[in-house]
Amino acid sequence: MIEALLLVERGSIRDKSQDWGAHAFLALPSPGDRIVVRRDGEAHYLTVLCAHHRPVPMDEVANGAEPAAEVVAKWTGSE
C-alpha cells in the first residue's frame, strides 16, 4: 500500500484545494482514474487530475527518509 495526501478540487478554479488528509492506496492512481472516498458518512466520487511524487534519494532512505505523494482529484459528486 501507498500512503498519499488527498487534495480535492471543489468549486471554482480559483478556490484552494481542500486537504482531505492522508489515505492508503493500493497503488498511486493515474490521471483520469475514478476513486470513491468515504467522508462525513457519504461516498464522494472523484476524478484524479494528477499525482505529485516526492521521491527520496537512496542514501537518505538509510537515514529513515520515506518517499511521499499527493493525489489531486476533482470532486464530481456524492451520495
PDB file of N, CA and C in Angstrom:
ATOM      1  N   MET A   1       0.828  -1.177   0.000  1.00  0.00           N
ATOM      2  CA  MET A   1       0.000   0.000   0.000  1.00  0.00           C
ATOM      3  C   MET A   1       0.875   1.243   0.000  1.00  0.00           C
ATOM      4  N   ILE A   2       0.296   2.303  -0.532  1.00  0.00           N
ATOM      5  CA  ILE A   2       0.986   3.587  -0.602  1.00  0.00           C
ATOM      6  C   ILE A   2       0.132   4.632   0.104  1.00  0.00           C
ATOM      7  N   GLU A   3       0.744   5.394   0.986  1.00  0.00           N
ATOM      8  CA  GLU A   3       0.029   6.479   1.653  1.00  0.00           C
ATOM      9  C   GLU A   3       0.251   7.762   0.871  1.00  0.00           C
ATOM     10  N   ALA A   4      -0.836   8.488   0.610  1.00  0.00           N
ATOM     11  CA  ALA A   4      -0.734   9.757  -0.107  1.00  0.00           C
ATOM     12  C   ALA A   4      -1.729  10.749   0.467  1.00  0.00           C
ATOM     13  N   LEU A   5      -1.343  11.997   0.468  1.00  0.00           N
ATOM     14  CA  LEU A   5      -2.230  13.076   0.876  1.00  0.00           C
ATOM     15  C   LEU A   5      -3.227  13.310  -0.254  1.00  0.00           C
ATOM     16  N   LEU A   6      -4.506  13.427   0.068  1.00  0.00           N
ATOM     17  CA  LEU A   6      -5.545  13.642  -0.938  1.00  0.00           C
ATOM     18  C   LEU A   6      -5.956  15.110  -0.925  1.00  0.00           C
ATOM     19  N   LEU A   7      -5.731  15.784  -2.047  1.00  0.00           N
ATOM     20  CA  LEU A   7      -6.125  17.182  -2.222  1.00  0.00           C
ATOM     21  C   LEU A   7      -7.284  17.217  -3.205  1.00  0.00           C
ATOM     22  N   VAL A   8      -8.389  17.849  -2.805  1.00  0.00           N
ATOM     23  CA  VAL A   8      -9.614  17.809  -3.610  1.00  0.00           C
ATOM     24  C   VAL A   8      -9.961  19.202  -4.120  1.00  0.00           C
ATOM     25  N   GLU A   9     -10.240  19.267  -5.417  1.00  0.00           N
ATOM     26  CA  GLU A   9     -10.677  20.498  -6.073  1.00  0.00           C
ATOM     27  C   GLU A   9     -12.198  20.505  -6.107  1.00  0.00           C
ATOM     28  N   ARG A  10     -12.803  21.500  -5.466  1.00  0.00           N
ATOM     29  CA  ARG A  10     -14.262  21.668  -5.491  1.00  0.00           C
ATOM     30  C   ARG A  10     -14.548  23.121  -5.813  1.00  0.00           C
ATOM     31  N   GLY A  11     -15.559  23.346  -6.628  1.00  0.00           N
ATOM     32  CA  GLY A  11     -15.935  24.724  -6.931  1.00  0.00           C
ATOM     33  C   GLY A  11     -15.078  25.325  -8.021  1.00  0.00           C
ATOM     34  N   SER A  12     -14.846  26.623  -7.899  1.00  0.00           N
ATOM     35  CA  SER A  12     -14.140  27.407  -8.907  1.00  0.00           C
ATOM     36  C   SER A  12     -12.661  27.035  -8.988  1.00  0.00           C
ATOM     37  N   ILE A  13     -12.091  27.278 -10.141  1.00  0.00           N
ATOM     38  CA  ILE A  13     -10.660  27.040 -10.349  1.00  0.00           C
ATOM     39  C   ILE A  13      -9.823  27.928  -9.419  1.00  0.00           C
ATOM     40  N   ARG A  14     -10.388  29.038  -8.980  1.00  0.00           N
ATOM     41  CA  ARG A  14      -9.674  29.967  -8.095  1.00  0.00           C
ATOM     42  C   ARG A  14      -9.707  29.533  -6.629  1.00  0.00           C
ATOM     43  N   ASP A  15     -10.588  28.598  -6.292  1.00  0.00           N
ATOM     44  CA  ASP A  15     -10.686  28.111  -4.915  1.00  0.00           C
ATOM     45  C   ASP A  15      -9.468  27.263  -4.565  1.00  0.00           C
ATOM     46  N   LYS A  16      -9.052  27.314  -3.304  1.00  0.00           N
ATOM     47  CA  LYS A  16      -7.926  26.492  -2.851  1.00  0.00           C
ATOM     48  C   LYS A  16      -8.345  25.025  -2.790  1.00  0.00           C
ATOM     49  N   SER A  17      -7.380  24.150  -2.969  1.00  0.00           N
ATOM     50  CA  SER A  17      -7.627  22.716  -2.822  1.00  0.00           C
ATOM     51  C   SER A  17      -7.966  22.411  -1.372  1.00  0.00           C
ATOM     52  N   GLN A  18      -8.870  21.466  -1.172  1.00  0.00           N
ATOM     53  CA  GLN A  18      -9.219  21.020   0.172  1.00  0.00           C
ATOM     54  C   GLN A  18      -8.322  19.847   0.550  1.00  0.00           C
ATOM     55  N   ASP A  19      -7.736  19.908   1.722  1.00  0.00           N
ATOM     56  CA  ASP A  19      -6.886  18.833   2.227  1.00  0.00           C
ATOM     57  C   ASP A  19      -7.781  17.811   2.920  1.00  0.00           C
ATOM     58  N   TRP A  20      -7.950  16.640   2.301  1.00  0.00           N
ATOM     59  CA  TRP A  20      -8.793  15.585   2.871  1.00  0.00           C
ATOM     60  C   TRP A  20      -7.966  14.584   3.672  1.00  0.00           C
ATOM     61  N   GLY A  21      -6.715  14.887   3.931  1.00  0.00           N
ATOM     62  CA  GLY A  21      -5.885  14.040   4.775  1.00  0.00           C
ATOM     63  C   GLY A  21      -5.204  12.909   4.024  1.00  0.00           C
ATOM     64  N   ALA A  22      -4.445  12.131   4.777  1.00  0.00           N
ATOM     65  CA  ALA A  22      -3.701  11.005   4.210  1.00  0.00           C
ATOM     66  C   ALA A  22      -4.628   9.807   4.027  1.00  0.00           C
ATOM     67  N   HIS A  23      -4.470   9.128   2.899  1.00  0.00           N
ATOM     68  CA  HIS A  23      -5.249   7.929   2.589  1.00  0.00           C
ATOM     69  C   HIS A  23      -4.302   6.837   2.109  1.00  0.00           C
ATOM     70  N   ALA A  24      -4.674   5.597   2.342  1.00  0.00           N
ATOM     71  CA  ALA A  24      -3.899   4.451   1.857  1.00  0.00           C
ATOM     72  C   ALA A  24      -4.469   4.012   0.514  1.00  0.00           C
ATOM     73  N   PHE A  25      -3.613   3.895  -0.486  1.00  0.00           N
ATOM     74  CA  PHE A  25      -3.985   3.449  -1.825  1.00  0.00           C
ATOM     75  C   PHE A  25      -3.268   2.130  -2.109  1.00  0.00           C
ATOM     76  N   LEU A  26      -3.880   1.267  -2.903  1.00  0.00           N
ATOM     77  CA  LEU A  26      -3.191   0.044  -3.333  1.00  0.00           C
ATOM     78  C   LEU A  26      -1.985   0.398  -4.189  1.00  0.00           C
ATOM     79  N   ALA A  27      -2.150   1.428  -5.026  1.00  0.00           N
ATOM     80  CA  ALA A  27      -1.089   1.981  -5.865  1.00  0.00           C
ATOM     81  C   ALA A  27      -1.484   3.421  -6.150  1.00  0.00           C
ATOM     82  N   LEU A  28      -0.524   4.254  -6.518  1.00  0.00           N
ATOM     83  CA  LEU A  28      -0.892   5.633  -6.836  1.00  0.00           C
ATOM     84  C   LEU A  28      -1.804   5.644  -8.057  1.00  0.00           C
ATOM     85  N   PRO A  29      -2.933   6.344  -7.973  1.00  0.00           N
ATOM     86  CA  PRO A  29      -3.821   6.403  -9.125  1.00  0.00           C
ATOM     87  C   PRO A  29      -3.225   7.269 -10.231  1.00  0.00           C
ATOM     88  N   SER A  30      -3.704   7.047 -11.443  1.00  0.00           N
ATOM     89  CA  SER A  30      -3.262   7.804 -12.612  1.00  0.00           C
ATOM     90  C   SER A  30      -4.306   8.853 -12.974  1.00  0.00           C
ATOM     91  N   PRO A  31      -3.898   9.904 -13.694  1.00  0.00           N
ATOM     92  CA  PRO A  31      -4.878  10.889 -14.145  1.00  0.00           C
ATOM     93  C   PRO A  31      -6.019  10.212 -14.912  1.00  0.00           C
ATOM     94  N   GLY A  32      -7.230  10.629 -14.597  1.00  0.00           N
ATOM     95  CA  GLY A  32      -8.413  10.047 -15.226  1.00  0.00           C
ATOM     96  C   GLY A  32      -9.044   8.933 -14.422  1.00  0.00           C
ATOM     97  N   ASP A  33      -8.287   8.345 -13.487  1.00  0.00           N
ATOM     98  CA  ASP A  33      -8.862   7.290 -12.639  1.00  0.00           C
ATOM     99  C   ASP A  33      -9.981   7.866 -11.790  1.00  0.00           C
ATOM    100  N   ARG A  34     -10.989   7.046 -11.534  1.00  0.00           N
ATOM    101  CA  ARG A  34     -12.089   7.421 -10.649  1.00  0.00           C
ATOM    102  C   ARG A  34     -11.846   6.760  -9.300  1.00  0.00           C
ATOM    103  N   ILE A  35     -12.026   7.515  -8.230  1.00  0.00           N
ATOM    104  CA  ILE A  35     -11.893   6.952  -6.894  1.00  0.00           C
ATOM    105  C   ILE A  35     -13.117   7.340  -6.068  1.00  0.00           C
ATOM    106  N   VAL A  36     -13.424   6.518  -5.074  1.00  0.00           N
ATOM    107  CA  VAL A  36     -14.534   6.780  -4.158  1.00  0.00           C
ATOM    108  C   VAL A  36     -13.943   6.895  -2.760  1.00  0.00           C
ATOM    109  N   VAL A  37     -14.257   7.986  -2.074  1.00  0.00           N
ATOM    110  CA  VAL A  37     -13.720   8.240  -0.739  1.00  0.00           C
ATOM    111  C   VAL A  37     -14.879   8.427   0.226  1.00  0.00           C
ATOM    112  N   ARG A  38     -14.867   7.674   1.328  1.00  0.00           N
ATOM    113  CA  ARG A  38     -15.876   7.850   2.381  1.00  0.00           C
ATOM    114  C   ARG A  38     -15.454   9.026   3.249  1.00  0.00           C
ATOM    115  N   ARG A  39     -16.374   9.962   3.427  1.00  0.00           N
ATOM    116  CA  ARG A  39     -16.078  11.151   4.236  1.00  0.00           C
ATOM    117  C   ARG A  39     -17.392  11.691   4.779  1.00  0.00           C
ATOM    118  N   ASP A  40     -17.428  11.965   6.053  1.00  0.00           N
ATOM    119  CA  ASP A  40     -18.623  12.519   6.699  1.00  0.00           C
ATOM    120  C   ASP A  40     -19.864  11.675   6.428  1.00  0.00           C
ATOM    121  N   GLY A  41     -19.697  10.349   6.398  1.00  0.00           N
ATOM    122  CA  GLY A  41     -20.822   9.443   6.214  1.00  0.00           C
ATOM    123  C   GLY A  41     -21.340   9.339   4.793  1.00  0.00           C
ATOM    124  N   GLU A  42     -20.650   9.931   3.833  1.00  0.00           N
ATOM    125  CA  GLU A  42     -21.075   9.881   2.433  1.00  0.00           C
ATOM    126  C   GLU A  42     -19.966   9.300   1.565  1.00  0.00           C
ATOM    127  N   ALA A  43     -20.367   8.766   0.418  1.00  0.00           N
ATOM    128  CA  ALA A  43     -19.409   8.315  -0.590  1.00  0.00           C
ATOM    129  C   ALA A  43     -19.208   9.471  -1.569  1.00  0.00           C
ATOM    130  N   HIS A  44     -17.967   9.929  -1.699  1.00  0.00           N
ATOM    131  CA  HIS A  44     -17.649  11.033  -2.610  1.00  0.00           C
ATOM    132  C   HIS A  44     -16.913  10.460  -3.820  1.00  0.00           C
ATOM    133  N   TYR A  45     -17.341  10.880  -5.000  1.00  0.00           N
ATOM    134  CA  TYR A  45     -16.750  10.410  -6.248  1.00  0.00           C
ATOM    135  C   TYR A  45     -15.798  11.482  -6.767  1.00  0.00           C
ATOM    136  N   LEU A  46     -14.579  11.048  -7.091  1.00  0.00           N
ATOM    137  CA  LEU A  46     -13.532  11.965  -7.525  1.00  0.00           C
ATOM    138  C   LEU A  46     -12.873  11.443  -8.792  1.00  0.00           C
ATOM    139  N   THR A  47     -12.412  12.362  -9.624  1.00  0.00           N
ATOM    140  CA  THR A  47     -11.616  12.015 -10.798  1.00  0.00           C
ATOM    141  C   THR A  47     -10.209  12.547 -10.569  1.00  0.00           C
ATOM    142  N   VAL A  48      -9.224  11.680 -10.664  1.00  0.00           N
ATOM    143  CA  VAL A  48      -7.832  12.056 -10.400  1.00  0.00           C
ATOM    144  C   VAL A  48      -7.323  12.978 -11.509  1.00  0.00           C
ATOM    145  N   LEU A  49      -6.754  14.108 -11.092  1.00  0.00           N
ATOM    146  CA  LEU A  49      -6.147  15.045 -12.036  1.00  0.00           C
ATOM    147  C   LEU A  49      -4.657  14.760 -12.200  1.00  0.00           C
ATOM    148  N   CYS A  50      -3.970  14.514 -11.077  1.00  0.00           N
ATOM    149  CA  CYS A  50      -2.539  14.214 -11.134  1.00  0.00           C
ATOM    150  C   CYS A  50      -2.072  13.648  -9.799  1.00  0.00           C
ATOM    151  N   ALA A  51      -0.894  13.082  -9.815  1.00  0.00           N
ATOM    152  CA  ALA A  51      -0.237  12.617  -8.591  1.00  0.00           C
ATOM    153  C   ALA A  51       1.126  13.291  -8.533  1.00  0.00           C
ATOM    154  N   HIS A  52       1.413  13.951  -7.420  1.00  0.00           N
ATOM    155  CA  HIS A  52       2.710  14.590  -7.216  1.00  0.00           C
ATOM    156  C   HIS A  52       3.597  13.616  -6.450  1.00  0.00           C
ATOM    157  N   HIS A  53       4.651  13.154  -7.095  1.00  0.00           N
ATOM    158  CA  HIS A  53       5.586  12.217  -6.471  1.00  0.00           C
ATOM    159  C   HIS A  53       6.714  13.000  -5.818  1.00  0.00           C
ATOM    160  N   ARG A  54       7.084  12.597  -4.611  1.00  0.00           N
ATOM    161  CA  ARG A  54       8.240  13.185  -3.932  1.00  0.00           C
ATOM    162  C   ARG A  54       9.194  12.057  -3.561  1.00  0.00           C
ATOM    163  N   PRO A  55      10.029  11.636  -4.522  1.00  0.00           N
ATOM    164  CA  PRO A  55      10.960  10.549  -4.248  1.00  0.00           C
ATOM    165  C   PRO A  55      12.066  11.000  -3.289  1.00  0.00           C
ATOM    166  N   VAL A  56      12.734  10.018  -2.728  1.00  0.00           N
ATOM    167  CA  VAL A  56      13.829  10.262  -1.784  1.00  0.00           C
ATOM    168  C   VAL A  56      15.076   9.564  -2.330  1.00  0.00           C
ATOM    169  N   PRO A  57      16.222  10.255  -2.341  1.00  0.00           N
ATOM    170  CA  PRO A  57      17.458   9.605  -2.778  1.00  0.00           C
ATOM    171  C   PRO A  57      17.760   8.377  -1.910  1.00  0.00           C
ATOM    172  N   MET A  58      18.320   7.353  -2.510  1.00  0.00           N
ATOM    173  CA  MET A  58      18.586   6.091  -1.814  1.00  0.00           C
ATOM    174  C   MET A  58      19.463   6.284  -0.579  1.00  0.00           C
ATOM    175  N   ASP A  59      20.424   7.208  -0.631  1.00  0.00           N
ATOM    176  CA  ASP A  59      21.284   7.392   0.539  1.00  0.00           C
ATOM    177  C   ASP A  59      20.523   8.001   1.720  1.00  0.00           C
ATOM    178  N   GLU A  60      19.397   8.670   1.473  1.00  0.00           N
ATOM    179  CA  GLU A  60      18.584   9.224   2.557  1.00  0.00           C
ATOM    180  C   GLU A  60      17.615   8.192   3.137  1.00  0.00           C
ATOM    181  N   VAL A  61      17.302   7.147   2.371  1.00  0.00           N
ATOM    182  CA  VAL A  61      16.411   6.089   2.853  1.00  0.00           C
ATOM    183  C   VAL A  61      17.039   5.400   4.060  1.00  0.00           C
ATOM    184  N   ALA A  62      18.348   5.207   4.022  1.00  0.00           N
ATOM    185  CA  ALA A  62      19.052   4.562   5.134  1.00  0.00           C
ATOM    186  C   ALA A  62      18.931   5.381   6.422  1.00  0.00           C
ATOM    187  N   ASN A  63      18.704   6.674   6.285  1.00  0.00           N
ATOM    188  CA  ASN A  63      18.560   7.558   7.450  1.00  0.00           C
ATOM    189  C   ASN A  63      17.101   7.740   7.862  1.00  0.00           C
ATOM    190  N   GLY A  64      16.203   6.940   7.301  1.00  0.00           N
ATOM    191  CA  GLY A  64      14.803   6.981   7.713  1.00  0.00           C
ATOM    192  C   GLY A  64      13.883   7.830   6.860  1.00  0.00           C
ATOM    193  N   ALA A  65      14.401   8.497   5.844  1.00  0.00           N
ATOM    194  CA  ALA A  65      13.545   9.300   4.970  1.00  0.00           C
ATOM    195  C   ALA A  65      12.660   8.378   4.135  1.00  0.00           C
ATOM    196  N   GLU A  66      11.428   8.802   3.905  1.00  0.00           N
ATOM    197  CA  GLU A  66      10.491   7.999   3.118  1.00  0.00           C
ATOM    198  C   GLU A  66       9.931   8.828   1.971  1.00  0.00           C
ATOM    199  N   PRO A  67       9.687   8.199   0.827  1.00  0.00           N
ATOM    200  CA  PRO A  67       9.052   8.925  -0.271  1.00  0.00           C
ATOM    201  C   PRO A  67       7.622   9.304   0.111  1.00  0.00           C
ATOM    202  N   ALA A  68       7.091  10.304  -0.565  1.00  0.00           N
ATOM    203  CA  ALA A  68       5.728  10.756  -0.280  1.00  0.00           C
ATOM    204  C   ALA A  68       5.041  11.118  -1.594  1.00  0.00           C
ATOM    205  N   ALA A  69       3.733  11.312  -1.502  1.00  0.00           N
ATOM    206  CA  ALA A  69       2.973  11.681  -2.697  1.00  0.00           C
ATOM    207  C   ALA A  69       1.706  12.416  -2.298  1.00  0.00           C
ATOM    208  N   GLU A  70       1.219  13.232  -3.220  1.00  0.00           N
ATOM    209  CA  GLU A  70      -0.090  13.855  -3.090  1.00  0.00           C
ATOM    210  C   GLU A  70      -0.901  13.470  -4.317  1.00  0.00           C
ATOM    211  N   VAL A  71      -2.158  13.161  -4.093  1.00  0.00           N
ATOM    212  CA  VAL A  71      -3.084  12.877  -5.185  1.00  0.00           C
ATOM    213  C   VAL A  71      -4.042  14.060  -5.258  1.00  0.00           C
ATOM    214  N   VAL A  72      -4.119  14.689  -6.426  1.00  0.00           N
ATOM    215  CA  VAL A  72      -5.023  15.813  -6.644  1.00  0.00           C
ATOM    216  C   VAL A  72      -6.191  15.303  -7.477  1.00  0.00           C
ATOM    217  N   ALA A  73      -7.418  15.523  -6.973  1.00  0.00           N
ATOM    218  CA  ALA A  73      -8.598  14.991  -7.653  1.00  0.00           C
ATOM    219  C   ALA A  73      -9.715  16.026  -7.678  1.00  0.00           C
ATOM    220  N   LYS A  74     -10.552  15.946  -8.698  1.00  0.00           N
ATOM    221  CA  LYS A  74     -11.713  16.821  -8.855  1.00  0.00           C
ATOM    222  C   LYS A  74     -12.937  16.118  -8.302  1.00  0.00           C
ATOM    223  N   TRP A  75     -13.652  16.770  -7.397  1.00  0.00           N
ATOM    224  CA  TRP A  75     -14.884  16.222  -6.833  1.00  0.00           C
ATOM    225  C   TRP A  75     -15.952  16.237  -7.917  1.00  0.00           C
ATOM    226  N   THR A  76     -16.635  15.100  -8.098  1.00  0.00           N
ATOM    227  CA  THR A  76     -17.661  15.026  -9.143  1.00  0.00           C
ATOM    228  C   THR A  76     -19.040  14.692  -8.605  1.00  0.00           C
ATOM    229  N   GLY A  77     -19.157  14.358  -7.333  1.00  0.00           N
ATOM    230  CA  GLY A  77     -20.472  14.090  -6.763  1.00  0.00           C
ATOM    231  C   GLY A  77     -20.377  13.251  -5.507  1.00  0.00           C
ATOM    232  N   SER A  78     -21.532  13.083  -4.858  1.00  0.00           N
ATOM    233  CA  SER A  78     -21.575  12.262  -3.646  1.00  0.00           C
ATOM    234  C   SER A  78     -22.955  11.672  -3.488  1.00  0.00           C
ATOM    235  N   GLU A  79     -23.020  10.641  -2.633  1.00  0.00           N
ATOM    236  CA  GLU A  79     -24.317  10.043  -2.292  1.00  0.00           C
ATOM    237  C   GLU A  79     -24.262   9.494  -0.894  1.00  0.00           C
TER     238      GLU A  79
END
